[in-house]
């Protein structure tokens, strides 16, 4: 799925594909969307079942900077 061909819904500018990331200790990881309500975990802050995680890809307008995010399996790190 290429998100770059979609024009910006705010200003009709060109969208660039990218991603947001999180920090996991020394690692940088692709942000994920997790199905369901968050459950607390004493050691980790929140329980995150791997089978309920979907990587998030983000597109940014090169003109106005608008961000739009999509949770889809193909946005996983390769």
PDB file of N, CA and C in Angstrom:
ATOM      1  N   UNK A   1       0.843  -1.180   0.000  1.00  0.00           N
ATOM      2  CA  UNK A   1       0.000   0.000   0.000  1.00  0.00           C
ATOM      3  C   UNK A   1       0.881   1.235   0.000  1.00  0.00           C
ATOM      4  N   UNK A   2       0.795   2.035  -1.012  1.00  0.00           N
ATOM      5  CA  UNK A   2       1.552   3.274  -1.063  1.00  0.00           C
ATOM      6  C   UNK A   2       0.650   4.429  -0.643  1.00  0.00           C
ATOM      7  N   UNK A   3       1.063   5.122   0.380  1.00  0.00           N
ATOM      8  CA  UNK A   3       0.272   6.239   0.878  1.00  0.00           C
ATOM      9  C   UNK A   3       0.720   7.566   0.268  1.00  0.00           C
ATOM     10  N   UNK A   4       1.844   7.556  -0.434  1.00  0.00           N
ATOM     11  CA  UNK A   4       2.387   8.785  -0.985  1.00  0.00           C
ATOM     12  C   UNK A   4       1.547   9.351  -2.119  1.00  0.00           C
ATOM     13  N   UNK A   5       0.806   8.523  -2.833  1.00  0.00           N
ATOM     14  CA  UNK A   5       0.032   8.999  -3.975  1.00  0.00           C
ATOM     15  C   UNK A   5      -1.242   9.728  -3.546  1.00  0.00           C
ATOM     16  N   UNK A   6      -1.601   9.635  -2.269  1.00  0.00           N
ATOM     17  CA  UNK A   6      -2.788  10.302  -1.763  1.00  0.00           C
ATOM     18  C   UNK A   6      -2.451  11.766  -1.465  1.00  0.00           C
ATOM     19  N   UNK A   7      -3.215  12.724  -2.001  1.00  0.00           N
ATOM     20  CA  UNK A   7      -2.924  14.132  -1.696  1.00  0.00           C
ATOM     21  C   UNK A   7      -3.331  14.479  -0.266  1.00  0.00           C
ATOM     22  N   UNK A   8      -2.723  15.506   0.278  1.00  0.00           N
ATOM     23  CA  UNK A   8      -3.032  15.961   1.635  1.00  0.00           C
ATOM     24  C   UNK A   8      -4.493  16.390   1.716  1.00  0.00           C
ATOM     25  N   UNK A   9      -5.234  15.896   2.720  1.00  0.00           N
ATOM     26  CA  UNK A   9      -6.641  16.281   2.850  1.00  0.00           C
ATOM     27  C   UNK A   9      -6.826  17.722   3.341  1.00  0.00           C
ATOM     28  N   UNK A  10      -5.773  18.358   3.823  1.00  0.00           N
ATOM     29  CA  UNK A  10      -5.864  19.731   4.327  1.00  0.00           C
ATOM     30  C   UNK A  10      -5.541  20.779   3.253  1.00  0.00           C
ATOM     31  N   UNK A  11      -4.443  20.538   2.501  1.00  0.00           N
ATOM     32  CA  UNK A  11      -4.002  21.571   1.557  1.00  0.00           C
ATOM     33  C   UNK A  11      -3.763  21.045   0.146  1.00  0.00           C
ATOM     34  N   UNK A  12      -3.969  19.743  -0.072  1.00  0.00           N
ATOM     35  CA  UNK A  12      -3.769  19.090  -1.369  1.00  0.00           C
ATOM     36  C   UNK A  12      -2.290  18.969  -1.752  1.00  0.00           C
ATOM     37  N   UNK A  13      -1.402  19.130  -0.772  1.00  0.00           N
ATOM     38  CA  UNK A  13       0.032  18.991  -1.024  1.00  0.00           C
ATOM     39  C   UNK A  13       0.436  17.530  -1.176  1.00  0.00           C
ATOM     40  N   UNK A  14       1.729  17.314  -1.418  1.00  0.00           N
ATOM     41  CA  UNK A  14       2.264  15.962  -1.624  1.00  0.00           C
ATOM     42  C   UNK A  14       2.567  15.313  -0.276  1.00  0.00           C
ATOM     43  N   UNK A  15       2.127  14.055  -0.100  1.00  0.00           N
ATOM     44  CA  UNK A  15       2.355  13.313   1.135  1.00  0.00           C
ATOM     45  C   UNK A  15       3.617  12.466   1.011  1.00  0.00           C
ATOM     46  N   UNK A  16       4.412  12.404   2.095  1.00  0.00           N
ATOM     47  CA  UNK A  16       5.629  11.598   2.152  1.00  0.00           C
ATOM     48  C   UNK A  16       5.435  10.506   3.189  1.00  0.00           C
ATOM     49  N   UNK A  17       5.799   9.265   2.841  1.00  0.00           N
ATOM     50  CA  UNK A  17       5.650   8.173   3.788  1.00  0.00           C
ATOM     51  C   UNK A  17       6.801   8.164   4.778  1.00  0.00           C
ATOM     52  N   UNK A  18       6.503   7.831   6.023  1.00  0.00           N
ATOM     53  CA  UNK A  18       7.511   7.718   7.070  1.00  0.00           C
ATOM     54  C   UNK A  18       6.950   6.899   8.217  1.00  0.00           C
ATOM     55  N   UNK A  19       7.508   7.072   9.415  1.00  0.00           N
ATOM     56  CA  UNK A  19       7.006   6.357  10.578  1.00  0.00           C
ATOM     57  C   UNK A  19       7.390   7.109  11.839  1.00  0.00           C
ATOM     58  N   UNK A  20       6.675   6.846  12.904  1.00  0.00           N
ATOM     59  CA  UNK A  20       7.059   7.355  14.213  1.00  0.00           C
ATOM     60  C   UNK A  20       7.650   6.179  14.978  1.00  0.00           C
ATOM     61  N   UNK A  21       8.508   6.468  15.939  1.00  0.00           N
ATOM     62  CA  UNK A  21       9.126   5.362  16.660  1.00  0.00           C
ATOM     63  C   UNK A  21       9.075   5.595  18.154  1.00  0.00           C
ATOM     64  N   UNK A  22       9.264   4.515  18.868  1.00  0.00           N
ATOM     65  CA  UNK A  22       9.338   4.567  20.317  1.00  0.00           C
ATOM     66  C   UNK A  22      10.686   4.037  20.764  1.00  0.00           C
ATOM     67  N   UNK A  23      11.015   4.264  22.011  1.00  0.00           N
ATOM     68  CA  UNK A  23      12.280   3.794  22.571  1.00  0.00           C
ATOM     69  C   UNK A  23      11.986   2.597  23.472  1.00  0.00           C
ATOM     70  N   UNK A  24      12.709   1.499  23.248  1.00  0.00           N
ATOM     71  CA  UNK A  24      12.596   0.304  24.080  1.00  0.00           C
ATOM     72  C   UNK A  24      14.007  -0.012  24.568  1.00  0.00           C
ATOM     73  N   UNK A  25      14.379   0.579  25.702  1.00  0.00           N
ATOM     74  CA  UNK A  25      15.763   0.454  26.178  1.00  0.00           C
ATOM     75  C   UNK A  25      16.674   1.160  25.183  1.00  0.00           C
ATOM     76  N   UNK A  26      17.695   0.486  24.665  1.00  0.00           N
ATOM     77  CA  UNK A  26      18.585   1.115  23.686  1.00  0.00           C
ATOM     78  C   UNK A  26      18.054   1.045  22.240  1.00  0.00           C
ATOM     79  N   UNK A  27      16.946   0.331  22.029  1.00  0.00           N
ATOM     80  CA  UNK A  27      16.422   0.127  20.680  1.00  0.00           C
ATOM     81  C   UNK A  27      15.401   1.185  20.297  1.00  0.00           C
ATOM     82  N   UNK A  28      15.334   1.479  19.003  1.00  0.00           N
ATOM     83  CA  UNK A  28      14.281   2.317  18.447  1.00  0.00           C
ATOM     84  C   UNK A  28      13.344   1.387  17.701  1.00  0.00           C
ATOM     85  N   UNK A  29      12.059   1.447  18.021  1.00  0.00           N
ATOM     86  CA  UNK A  29      11.093   0.524  17.438  1.00  0.00           C
ATOM     87  C   UNK A  29       9.959   1.299  16.769  1.00  0.00           C
ATOM     88  N   UNK A  30       9.356   0.691  15.736  1.00  0.00           N
ATOM     89  CA  UNK A  30       8.218   1.294  15.050  1.00  0.00           C
ATOM     90  C   UNK A  30       7.041   1.341  16.009  1.00  0.00           C
ATOM     91  N   UNK A  31       6.337   2.465  16.043  1.00  0.00           N
ATOM     92  CA  UNK A  31       5.155   2.585  16.889  1.00  0.00           C
ATOM     93  C   UNK A  31       4.116   1.545  16.492  1.00  0.00           C
ATOM     94  N   UNK A  32       3.325   1.114  17.449  1.00  0.00           N
ATOM     95  CA  UNK A  32       2.291   0.133  17.175  1.00  0.00           C
ATOM     96  C   UNK A  32       0.955   0.566  17.751  1.00  0.00           C
ATOM     97  N   UNK A  33      -0.089   0.067  17.142  1.00  0.00           N
ATOM     98  CA  UNK A  33      -1.450   0.208  17.651  1.00  0.00           C
ATOM     99  C   UNK A  33      -1.776  -1.129  18.285  1.00  0.00           C
ATOM    100  N   UNK A  34      -2.394  -1.105  19.471  1.00  0.00           N
ATOM    101  CA  UNK A  34      -2.719  -2.338  20.175  1.00  0.00           C
ATOM    102  C   UNK A  34      -4.234  -2.421  20.348  1.00  0.00           C
ATOM    103  N   UNK A  35      -4.817  -3.544  19.917  1.00  0.00           N
ATOM    104  CA  UNK A  35      -6.266  -3.767  20.029  1.00  0.00           C
ATOM    105  C   UNK A  35      -6.681  -3.893  21.491  1.00  0.00           C
ATOM    106  N   UNK A  36      -7.812  -3.300  21.841  1.00  0.00           N
ATOM    107  CA  UNK A  36      -8.381  -3.444  23.179  1.00  0.00           C
ATOM    108  C   UNK A  36      -7.984  -2.333  24.135  1.00  0.00           C
ATOM    109  N   UNK A  37      -8.476  -2.451  25.364  1.00  0.00           N
ATOM    110  CA  UNK A  37      -8.165  -1.469  26.397  1.00  0.00           C
ATOM    111  C   UNK A  37      -6.837  -1.822  27.065  1.00  0.00           C
ATOM    112  N   UNK A  38      -6.081  -0.813  27.505  1.00  0.00           N
ATOM    113  CA  UNK A  38      -4.810  -1.107  28.161  1.00  0.00           C
ATOM    114  C   UNK A  38      -5.012  -1.767  29.526  1.00  0.00           C
ATOM    115  N   UNK A  39      -4.149  -2.730  29.828  1.00  0.00           N
ATOM    116  CA  UNK A  39      -4.141  -3.387  31.132  1.00  0.00           C
ATOM    117  C   UNK A  39      -2.807  -3.073  31.794  1.00  0.00           C
ATOM    118  N   UNK A  40      -2.843  -2.690  33.058  1.00  0.00           N
ATOM    119  CA  UNK A  40      -1.598  -2.340  33.735  1.00  0.00           C
ATOM    120  C   UNK A  40      -0.770  -3.575  34.058  1.00  0.00           C
ATOM    121  N   UNK A  41       0.532  -3.360  34.117  1.00  0.00           N
ATOM    122  CA  UNK A  41       1.487  -4.401  34.459  1.00  0.00           C
ATOM    123  C   UNK A  41       2.494  -3.792  35.436  1.00  0.00           C
ATOM    124  N   UNK A  42       2.746  -4.450  36.532  1.00  0.00           N
ATOM    125  CA  UNK A  42       3.645  -3.914  37.553  1.00  0.00           C
ATOM    126  C   UNK A  42       5.035  -3.626  36.991  1.00  0.00           C
ATOM    127  N   UNK A  43       5.603  -4.547  36.229  1.00  0.00           N
ATOM    128  CA  UNK A  43       6.977  -4.407  35.751  1.00  0.00           C
ATOM    129  C   UNK A  43       7.088  -3.610  34.451  1.00  0.00           C
ATOM    130  N   UNK A  44       6.082  -3.678  33.579  1.00  0.00           N
ATOM    131  CA  UNK A  44       6.210  -3.064  32.261  1.00  0.00           C
ATOM    132  C   UNK A  44       5.333  -1.831  32.063  1.00  0.00           C
ATOM    133  N   UNK A  45       4.502  -1.488  33.013  1.00  0.00           N
ATOM    134  CA  UNK A  45       3.625  -0.332  32.859  1.00  0.00           C
ATOM    135  C   UNK A  45       2.308  -0.700  32.201  1.00  0.00           C
ATOM    136  N   UNK A  46       2.369  -1.432  31.092  1.00  0.00           N
ATOM    137  CA  UNK A  46       1.163  -1.900  30.397  1.00  0.00           C
ATOM    138  C   UNK A  46       1.450  -3.245  29.752  1.00  0.00           C
ATOM    139  N   UNK A  47       0.476  -4.142  29.814  1.00  0.00           N
ATOM    140  CA  UNK A  47       0.591  -5.427  29.124  1.00  0.00           C
ATOM    141  C   UNK A  47       0.354  -5.192  27.639  1.00  0.00           C
ATOM    142  N   UNK A  48       1.225  -5.727  26.803  1.00  0.00           N
ATOM    143  CA  UNK A  48       1.092  -5.557  25.363  1.00  0.00           C
ATOM    144  C   UNK A  48       1.199  -6.927  24.704  1.00  0.00           C
ATOM    145  N   UNK A  49       0.053  -7.578  24.438  1.00  0.00           N
ATOM    146  CA  UNK A  49       0.090  -8.880  23.771  1.00  0.00           C
ATOM    147  C   UNK A  49       0.555  -8.721  22.316  1.00  0.00           C
ATOM    148  N   UNK A  50       1.618  -9.391  21.970  1.00  0.00           N
ATOM    149  CA  UNK A  50       2.209  -9.259  20.638  1.00  0.00           C
ATOM    150  C   UNK A  50       1.204  -9.548  19.530  1.00  0.00           C
ATOM    151  N   UNK A  51       0.324 -10.514  19.734  1.00  0.00           N
ATOM    152  CA  UNK A  51      -0.643 -10.884  18.694  1.00  0.00           C
ATOM    153  C   UNK A  51      -1.691  -9.793  18.454  1.00  0.00           C
ATOM    154  N   UNK A  52      -1.775  -8.812  19.329  1.00  0.00           N
ATOM    155  CA  UNK A  52      -2.744  -7.729  19.162  1.00  0.00           C
ATOM    156  C   UNK A  52      -2.093  -6.421  18.697  1.00  0.00           C
ATOM    157  N   UNK A  53      -0.812  -6.476  18.313  1.00  0.00           N
ATOM    158  CA  UNK A  53      -0.075  -5.287  17.880  1.00  0.00           C
ATOM    159  C   UNK A  53      -0.076  -5.160  16.357  1.00  0.00           C
ATOM    160  N   UNK A  54      -0.281  -3.942  15.877  1.00  0.00           N
ATOM    161  CA  UNK A  54      -0.233  -3.650  14.442  1.00  0.00           C
ATOM    162  C   UNK A  54       0.694  -2.441  14.263  1.00  0.00           C
ATOM    163  N   UNK A  55       1.752  -2.558  13.416  1.00  0.00           N
ATOM    164  CA  UNK A  55       2.661  -1.430  13.220  1.00  0.00           C
ATOM    165  C   UNK A  55       1.958  -0.237  12.574  1.00  0.00           C
ATOM    166  N   UNK A  56       2.427   0.956  12.916  1.00  0.00           N
ATOM    167  CA  UNK A  56       1.817   2.190  12.427  1.00  0.00           C
ATOM    168  C   UNK A  56       2.757   2.881  11.440  1.00  0.00           C
ATOM    169  N   UNK A  57       2.250   3.162  10.249  1.00  0.00           N
ATOM    170  CA  UNK A  57       2.958   3.970   9.257  1.00  0.00           C
ATOM    171  C   UNK A  57       2.326   5.347   9.243  1.00  0.00           C
ATOM    172  N   UNK A  58       3.125   6.356   8.965  1.00  0.00           N
ATOM    173  CA  UNK A  58       2.641   7.730   8.989  1.00  0.00           C
ATOM    174  C   UNK A  58       3.036   8.435   7.702  1.00  0.00           C
ATOM    175  N   UNK A  59       2.139   9.255   7.182  1.00  0.00           N
ATOM    176  CA  UNK A  59       2.482  10.109   6.041  1.00  0.00           C
ATOM    177  C   UNK A  59       2.413  11.556   6.507  1.00  0.00           C
ATOM    178  N   UNK A  60       3.289  12.381   5.924  1.00  0.00           N
ATOM    179  CA  UNK A  60       3.387  13.796   6.291  1.00  0.00           C
ATOM    180  C   UNK A  60       3.301  14.631   5.033  1.00  0.00           C
ATOM    181  N   UNK A  61       2.516  15.705   5.101  1.00  0.00           N
ATOM    182  CA  UNK A  61       2.414  16.617   3.977  1.00  0.00           C
ATOM    183  C   UNK A  61       3.682  17.452   3.904  1.00  0.00           C
ATOM    184  N   UNK A  62       4.307  17.489   2.726  1.00  0.00           N
ATOM    185  CA  UNK A  62       5.541  18.261   2.554  1.00  0.00           C
ATOM    186  C   UNK A  62       5.276  19.759   2.510  1.00  0.00           C
ATOM    187  N   UNK A  63       4.009  20.154   2.380  1.00  0.00           N
ATOM    188  CA  UNK A  63       3.659  21.574   2.320  1.00  0.00           C
ATOM    189  C   UNK A  63       3.252  22.107   3.696  1.00  0.00           C
ATOM    190  N   UNK A  64       2.222  21.506   4.317  1.00  0.00           N
ATOM    191  CA  UNK A  64       1.694  22.051   5.577  1.00  0.00           C
ATOM    192  C   UNK A  64       2.101  21.259   6.812  1.00  0.00           C
ATOM    193  N   UNK A  65       2.689  20.060   6.650  1.00  0.00           N
ATOM    194  CA  UNK A  65       3.143  19.267   7.785  1.00  0.00           C
ATOM    195  C   UNK A  65       2.080  18.390   8.424  1.00  0.00           C
ATOM    196  N   UNK A  66       0.880  18.348   7.872  1.00  0.00           N
ATOM    197  CA  UNK A  66      -0.194  17.509   8.415  1.00  0.00           C
ATOM    198  C   UNK A  66       0.266  16.058   8.458  1.00  0.00           C
ATOM    199  N   UNK A  67      -0.010  15.360   9.563  1.00  0.00           N
ATOM    200  CA  UNK A  67       0.321  13.939   9.708  1.00  0.00           C
ATOM    201  C   UNK A  67      -0.947  13.105   9.689  1.00  0.00           C
ATOM    202  N   UNK A  68      -0.857  11.944   9.034  1.00  0.00           N
ATOM    203  CA  UNK A  68      -1.960  10.991   9.023  1.00  0.00           C
ATOM    204  C   UNK A  68      -1.352   9.617   9.246  1.00  0.00           C
ATOM    205  N   UNK A  69      -1.897   8.850  10.190  1.00  0.00           N
ATOM    206  CA  UNK A  69      -1.327   7.561  10.560  1.00  0.00           C
ATOM    207  C   UNK A  69      -2.263   6.419  10.185  1.00  0.00           C
ATOM    208  N   UNK A  70      -1.657   5.281   9.797  1.00  0.00           N
ATOM    209  CA  UNK A  70      -2.396   4.085   9.417  1.00  0.00           C
ATOM    210  C   UNK A  70      -1.778   2.882  10.119  1.00  0.00           C
ATOM    211  N   UNK A  71      -2.602   2.040  10.727  1.00  0.00           N
ATOM    212  CA  UNK A  71      -2.135   0.809  11.370  1.00  0.00           C
ATOM    213  C   UNK A  71      -2.350  -0.339  10.394  1.00  0.00           C
ATOM    214  N   UNK A  72      -1.240  -0.847   9.839  1.00  0.00           N
ATOM    215  CA  UNK A  72      -1.310  -1.928   8.848  1.00  0.00           C
ATOM    216  C   UNK A  72      -0.076  -2.813   8.983  1.00  0.00           C
ATOM    217  N   UNK A  73      -0.231  -4.135   8.826  1.00  0.00           N
ATOM    218  CA  UNK A  73       0.897  -5.057   8.993  1.00  0.00           C
ATOM    219  C   UNK A  73       2.091  -4.747   8.095  1.00  0.00           C
ATOM    220  N   UNK A  74       1.878  -4.222   6.889  1.00  0.00           N
ATOM    221  CA  UNK A  74       3.008  -3.982   5.977  1.00  0.00           C
ATOM    222  C   UNK A  74       3.933  -2.852   6.430  1.00  0.00           C
ATOM    223  N   UNK A  75       3.572  -2.124   7.490  1.00  0.00           N
ATOM    224  CA  UNK A  75       4.428  -1.071   7.988  1.00  0.00           C
ATOM    225  C   UNK A  75       5.439  -1.560   9.031  1.00  0.00           C
ATOM    226  N   UNK A  76       5.502  -2.859   9.249  1.00  0.00           N
ATOM    227  CA  UNK A  76       6.480  -3.420  10.183  1.00  0.00           C
ATOM    228  C   UNK A  76       7.893  -3.186   9.644  1.00  0.00           C
ATOM    229  N   UNK A  77       8.855  -3.077  10.564  1.00  0.00           N
ATOM    230  CA  UNK A  77      10.251  -2.925  10.151  1.00  0.00           C
ATOM    231  C   UNK A  77      10.683  -4.140   9.346  1.00  0.00           C
ATOM    232  N   UNK A  78      11.440  -3.904   8.295  1.00  0.00           N
ATOM    233  CA  UNK A  78      11.900  -5.002   7.427  1.00  0.00           C
ATOM    234  C   UNK A  78      13.361  -5.272   7.649  1.00  0.00           C
TER     235      UNK A  78
END
